[in-house]
């Protein structure tokens, strides 16, 4: 009896949005939050010089790899905050006359007297935060980010048979699933590559909120970034 098989591909698409809040009143001390900078896995917090928040600040996750530091009471280490904006959405604090929930677009800039600082890059889209000009002069300068500027895309298991590595210690080449297991274990590898096959890796927007599509963003009135990512199985 002849056996036949065929490859069936299923594709799904998810749309993610991230939001942040802007108060409708200029001053309301009972509900103020104080900004203490941001950091990620590849960049330090300018307010601390490390990948952490200042003392007595709480960390909040935003986007795929960004942590925002906030405190519910004023502290000496706070950074005067002037809003977020990205390549897709502007900054409502830069356009105070339009600062209301009915407005859909704002200028992609900082308010007067504030300077922009790169917070994160998600799917090729830069996200900035605004801090009062000169407020970070006494802190640490940001380090130069070296390539690669994008995370390595995950390899599909269907490509494992074409995976090849070279061991610098044993001076031997290895191919296939055993090579993939050796590569994931780490040490003793000089070079590794996977040749193009008909089952190409799925495209993704660098995972907006996390590597898991089940994560959700915090909702509010102002959108900072939105992205669509496609996943194949």
Protein backbone atom coordinates (compact mmCIF):
# COMPACT_ATOMS: atom_id res chain seq x y z
CA UNK A 1 0.00 0.00 0.00
CA UNK A 2 1.47 3.35 -1.02
CA UNK A 3 1.74 6.05 1.61
CA UNK A 4 1.60 9.75 0.72
CA UNK A 5 2.25 12.77 2.82
CA UNK A 6 2.14 16.50 2.27
CA UNK A 7 3.09 19.58 4.24
CA UNK A 8 0.21 21.77 5.41
CA UNK A 9 0.93 25.28 6.67
CA UNK A 10 -1.32 27.26 8.99
CA UNK A 11 -0.81 30.96 9.49
CA UNK A 12 -2.25 33.28 12.09
CA UNK A 13 -1.95 37.02 12.57
CA UNK A 14 -2.09 39.01 15.79
CA UNK A 15 -2.30 42.79 16.21
CA UNK A 16 -0.81 44.39 19.33
CA UNK A 17 -1.17 47.92 20.66
CA UNK A 18 0.54 49.63 23.59
CA UNK A 19 -0.93 52.62 25.42
CA UNK A 20 0.07 55.20 27.99
CA UNK A 21 -1.98 57.72 29.98
CA UNK A 22 -2.01 61.51 29.94
CA UNK A 23 -3.98 63.32 32.61
CA UNK A 24 -6.71 65.72 31.53
CA UNK A 25 -5.85 68.13 34.37
CA UNK A 26 -2.61 70.08 34.61
CA UNK A 27 -2.13 69.46 38.34
CA UNK A 28 -3.63 66.86 40.63
CA UNK A 29 -1.13 65.92 43.33
CA UNK A 30 -3.21 62.99 44.61
CA UNK A 31 -2.71 61.05 41.38
CA UNK A 32 0.77 62.08 40.22
CA UNK A 33 3.30 59.48 39.13
CA UNK A 34 7.01 60.34 38.98
CA UNK A 35 9.23 59.16 36.15
CA UNK A 36 12.58 57.49 36.88
CA UNK A 37 13.83 56.59 33.39
CA UNK A 38 13.69 53.44 31.26
CA UNK A 39 15.94 50.48 30.51
CA UNK A 40 15.97 47.30 28.43
CA UNK A 41 18.08 44.17 28.00
CA UNK A 42 20.48 46.14 25.76
CA UNK A 43 20.42 49.64 27.29
CA UNK A 44 20.98 51.06 30.76
CA UNK A 45 18.77 53.52 32.59
CA UNK A 46 20.37 56.97 32.20
CA UNK A 47 19.19 57.83 35.72
CA UNK A 48 21.12 54.93 37.30
CA UNK A 49 23.76 53.88 34.77
CA UNK A 50 22.53 50.31 35.22
CA UNK A 51 19.72 48.08 33.98
CA UNK A 52 17.53 48.85 36.96
CA UNK A 53 15.28 51.51 38.46
CA UNK A 54 16.35 54.10 41.05
CA UNK A 55 15.70 53.25 44.69
CA UNK A 56 12.02 53.25 45.74
CA UNK A 57 10.86 53.19 42.11
CA UNK A 58 8.67 50.45 40.71
CA UNK A 59 9.31 48.78 37.35
CA UNK A 60 6.57 48.38 34.73
CA UNK A 61 6.89 46.43 31.48
CA UNK A 62 5.99 48.10 28.18
CA UNK A 63 6.46 46.77 24.64
CA UNK A 64 8.57 43.66 24.12
CA UNK A 65 11.75 44.62 25.99
CA UNK A 66 11.24 47.92 27.79
CA UNK A 67 10.93 48.65 31.50
CA UNK A 68 9.59 52.01 32.70
CA UNK A 69 10.42 53.21 36.24
CA UNK A 70 7.67 55.03 38.17
CA UNK A 71 7.12 56.17 41.74
CA UNK A 72 3.90 57.31 43.43
CA UNK A 73 5.65 60.00 45.49
CA UNK A 74 8.20 62.64 44.53
CA UNK A 75 11.82 61.58 45.00
CA UNK A 76 15.12 63.37 44.44
CA UNK A 77 16.06 61.02 41.59
CA UNK A 78 12.99 61.71 39.45
CA UNK A 79 13.40 62.77 35.81
CA UNK A 80 11.06 65.54 34.53
CA UNK A 81 8.92 63.70 31.99
CA UNK A 82 7.56 65.08 28.71
CA UNK A 83 5.77 62.12 27.16
CA UNK A 84 6.32 59.22 24.77
CA UNK A 85 6.12 59.12 20.98
CA UNK A 86 7.08 56.70 18.23
CA UNK A 87 7.34 56.38 14.45
CA UNK A 88 3.60 55.67 14.39
CA UNK A 89 2.07 57.93 17.03
CA UNK A 90 2.84 61.43 18.28
CA UNK A 91 3.13 62.98 21.73
CA UNK A 92 -0.03 64.58 23.19
CA UNK A 93 2.10 66.57 25.66
CA UNK A 94 3.81 68.28 22.71
CA UNK A 95 0.43 69.64 21.56
CA UNK A 96 -1.34 70.82 24.73
CA UNK A 97 -4.12 72.54 22.79
CA UNK A 98 -5.05 69.17 21.28
CA UNK A 99 -4.60 67.23 24.51
CA UNK A 100 -7.91 65.39 24.70
CA UNK A 101 -9.24 61.90 24.07
CA UNK A 102 -11.00 62.99 20.85
CA UNK A 103 -7.74 63.78 19.07
CA UNK A 104 -6.24 61.00 16.95
CA UNK A 105 -2.91 62.57 15.98
CA UNK A 106 -0.24 64.71 17.60
CA UNK A 107 3.19 65.98 16.63
CA UNK A 108 6.04 63.47 16.84
CA UNK A 109 8.26 65.64 19.01
CA UNK A 110 8.96 66.69 22.57
CA UNK A 111 7.43 69.71 24.32
CA UNK A 112 9.43 72.93 24.32
CA UNK A 113 12.33 72.67 26.77
CA UNK A 114 12.48 68.87 26.58
CA UNK A 115 14.84 66.58 24.64
CA UNK A 116 14.19 63.13 23.20
CA UNK A 117 15.90 59.91 24.32
CA UNK A 118 15.63 56.53 22.61
CA UNK A 119 13.68 54.09 24.78
CA UNK A 120 13.37 51.08 22.47
CA UNK A 121 13.16 49.89 18.87
CA UNK A 122 10.37 47.40 18.12
CA UNK A 123 10.00 45.90 14.68
CA UNK A 124 12.13 48.69 13.20
CA UNK A 125 10.02 51.42 14.84
CA UNK A 126 11.80 53.73 17.31
CA UNK A 127 10.05 54.69 20.56
CA UNK A 128 11.29 57.82 22.37
CA UNK A 129 10.65 59.41 25.74
CA UNK A 130 11.06 63.12 26.48
CA UNK A 131 13.00 64.47 29.46
CA UNK A 132 13.59 68.08 30.42
CA UNK A 133 16.72 69.36 28.68
CA UNK A 134 19.72 69.24 31.01
CA UNK A 135 18.01 67.05 33.60
CA UNK A 136 20.23 64.07 32.71
CA UNK A 137 23.54 65.94 32.43
CA UNK A 138 24.71 64.71 35.82
CA UNK A 139 23.95 61.11 34.93
CA UNK A 140 25.63 58.55 32.72
CA UNK A 141 25.95 58.87 28.96
CA UNK A 142 24.26 56.08 26.99
CA UNK A 143 26.52 53.39 25.57
CA UNK A 144 26.90 53.01 21.83
CA UNK A 145 24.71 50.16 20.61
CA UNK A 146 26.70 47.80 18.42
CA UNK A 147 25.19 45.50 15.79
CA UNK A 148 23.23 43.31 15.52
CA UNK A 149 20.37 45.75 16.04
CA UNK A 150 17.67 43.07 15.77
CA UNK A 151 17.22 39.89 17.79
CA UNK A 152 18.10 36.68 15.98
CA UNK A 153 14.92 35.18 14.49
CA UNK A 154 13.97 31.79 15.90
CA UNK A 155 14.72 28.75 13.76
CA UNK A 156 11.92 26.42 12.80
CA UNK A 157 12.39 22.78 13.72
CA UNK A 158 11.76 21.90 10.07
CA UNK A 159 15.05 23.61 9.22
CA UNK A 160 17.08 21.58 11.73
CA UNK A 161 18.06 18.96 9.13
CA UNK A 162 19.89 21.68 7.18
CA UNK A 163 21.60 23.13 10.26
CA UNK A 164 25.42 22.93 10.19
CA UNK A 165 27.98 23.92 12.82
CA UNK A 166 31.76 23.74 13.21
CA UNK A 167 33.30 22.81 16.58
CA UNK A 168 36.47 24.77 17.27
CA UNK A 169 37.68 22.25 19.86
CA UNK A 170 37.16 19.00 17.97
CA UNK A 171 37.69 20.61 14.52
CA UNK A 172 34.71 18.68 13.21
CA UNK A 173 31.57 19.61 11.30
CA UNK A 174 28.18 18.47 12.49
CA UNK A 175 24.84 18.53 10.68
CA UNK A 176 21.18 17.92 11.44
CA UNK A 177 19.26 17.70 14.71
CA UNK A 178 22.32 16.76 16.76
CA UNK A 179 24.04 19.90 15.44
CA UNK A 180 21.09 22.02 16.53
CA UNK A 181 21.21 20.52 20.03
CA UNK A 182 24.95 21.20 20.23
CA UNK A 183 24.41 24.78 19.06
CA UNK A 184 21.74 25.42 21.68
CA UNK A 185 24.08 24.10 24.39
CA UNK A 186 26.52 26.87 23.50
CA UNK A 187 30.29 26.37 24.00
CA UNK A 188 32.92 25.43 21.45
CA UNK A 189 31.26 26.79 18.32
CA UNK A 190 33.00 28.99 15.78
CA UNK A 191 30.40 29.25 13.07
CA UNK A 192 26.86 28.15 12.42
CA UNK A 193 24.42 28.58 9.61
CA UNK A 194 21.20 27.18 8.21
CA UNK A 195 20.73 26.95 4.45
CA UNK A 196 17.55 28.24 2.85
CA UNK A 197 14.87 25.62 2.40
CA UNK A 198 11.35 25.64 1.10
CA UNK A 199 10.10 25.94 4.66
CA UNK A 200 11.41 29.42 5.38
CA UNK A 201 11.25 30.91 8.90
CA UNK A 202 8.11 32.85 9.73
CA UNK A 203 8.18 36.63 9.57
CA UNK A 204 7.60 38.63 12.73
CA UNK A 205 7.66 42.21 13.95
CA UNK A 206 10.13 41.43 16.72
CA UNK A 207 7.24 40.58 19.09
CA UNK A 208 5.73 43.83 20.35
CA UNK A 209 4.77 42.87 23.91
CA UNK A 210 6.56 39.60 24.53
CA UNK A 211 7.57 36.42 22.78
CA UNK A 212 4.21 34.96 23.74
CA UNK A 213 1.16 36.09 21.79
CA UNK A 214 -1.00 35.59 24.88
CA UNK A 215 0.41 38.69 26.58
CA UNK A 216 -1.77 41.79 26.60
CA UNK A 217 -0.98 45.49 26.77
CA UNK A 218 -2.30 47.93 29.33
CA UNK A 219 -5.14 49.97 27.89
CA UNK A 220 -5.56 53.72 28.13
CA UNK A 221 -6.37 56.72 25.99
CA UNK A 222 -3.18 57.32 24.02
CA UNK A 223 -1.55 54.82 21.70
CA UNK A 224 2.24 54.85 21.56
CA UNK A 225 2.90 51.95 19.23
CA UNK A 226 1.00 49.33 17.30
CA UNK A 227 2.25 46.38 15.32
CA UNK A 228 1.07 43.34 13.42
CA UNK A 229 3.00 40.11 13.65
CA UNK A 230 2.40 36.90 11.75
CA UNK A 231 3.14 33.45 13.10
CA UNK A 232 3.35 30.21 11.18
CA UNK A 233 3.07 26.72 12.53
